[in-house]
Amino acid sequence: MLHQLKRLLSDDCLVWHDIPVGTQARQPDFFIFSPRQGLLALEVKETRRPGWRQQRQRAAAHSA
């Protein structure tokens, strides 16, 4: 995911991974900083829906 973010975001964006924050040292998965848009804390959740892989493959085939 980190490599995808770096590849897709503009060159002026910075991406940090698993940085402890606050008094409880919580760790969002990513922080993304854009000089134009500010700071985003991103938490990524895994999805295991039935048929998810097939839907992604069909969508990729249609966009190709």
Protein backbone atom coordinates (compact mmCIF):
# COMPACT_ATOMS: atom_id res chain seq x y z
CA MET A 1 0.00 0.00 0.00
CA LEU A 2 2.84 2.40 0.84
CA HIS A 3 4.41 1.94 -2.58
CA GLN A 4 1.02 2.46 -4.30
CA LEU A 5 0.47 5.72 -2.42
CA LYS A 6 3.92 7.02 -3.31
CA ARG A 7 3.40 6.05 -6.94
CA LEU A 8 -0.04 7.66 -7.24
CA LEU A 9 0.48 10.86 -5.25
CA SER A 10 2.19 13.93 -6.66
CA ASP A 11 5.92 14.34 -6.10
CA ASP A 12 5.45 17.13 -3.56
CA CYS A 13 3.50 14.83 -1.18
CA LEU A 14 5.20 13.18 1.77
CA VAL A 15 4.04 9.82 3.13
CA TRP A 16 4.86 8.46 6.60
CA HIS A 17 3.98 4.97 7.83
CA ASP A 18 3.11 3.87 11.42
CA ILE A 19 4.08 7.05 13.29
CA PRO A 20 3.00 7.04 16.99
CA VAL A 21 0.70 9.99 17.77
CA GLY A 22 -0.69 11.47 21.00
CA THR A 23 -0.44 10.46 24.63
CA GLN A 24 -1.64 6.92 23.86
CA ALA A 25 0.83 6.55 20.96
CA ARG A 26 -1.88 5.46 18.51
CA GLN A 27 -0.58 4.66 15.04
CA PRO A 28 -2.64 5.52 11.96
CA ASP A 29 -1.42 3.43 9.03
CA PHE A 30 -0.33 6.47 7.03
CA PHE A 31 0.11 10.20 7.25
CA ILE A 32 0.06 12.00 3.92
CA PHE A 33 1.18 15.62 3.72
CA SER A 34 0.47 17.77 0.69
CA PRO A 35 1.71 21.39 0.69
CA ARG A 36 -1.45 22.36 -1.20
CA GLN A 37 -4.03 20.26 0.65
CA GLY A 38 -2.64 19.74 4.15
CA LEU A 39 -2.30 16.64 6.32
CA LEU A 40 -4.33 13.42 6.10
CA ALA A 41 -4.24 10.55 8.62
CA LEU A 42 -5.26 7.36 6.80
CA GLU A 43 -6.36 4.12 8.43
CA VAL A 44 -6.60 1.14 6.06
CA LYS A 45 -8.99 -1.70 6.80
CA GLU A 46 -8.91 -5.12 5.17
CA THR A 47 -12.05 -6.31 3.43
CA ARG A 48 -12.86 -9.95 2.87
CA ARG A 49 -16.20 -9.74 1.10
CA PRO A 50 -17.17 -12.80 -0.95
CA GLY A 51 -16.55 -12.13 -4.62
CA TRP A 52 -14.36 -9.05 -4.00
CA ARG A 53 -11.46 -10.37 -6.08
CA GLN A 54 -13.73 -11.24 -9.02
CA GLN A 55 -15.30 -7.75 -8.94
CA ARG A 56 -11.86 -6.12 -9.03
CA GLN A 57 -10.76 -8.35 -11.92
CA ARG A 58 -13.90 -7.51 -13.93
CA ALA A 59 -13.45 -3.80 -13.27
CA ALA A 60 -9.81 -3.98 -14.37
CA ALA A 61 -10.79 -5.84 -17.55
CA HIS A 62 -13.39 -3.19 -18.42
CA SER A 63 -10.98 -0.29 -17.89
CA ALA A 64 -8.22 -1.83 -20.02
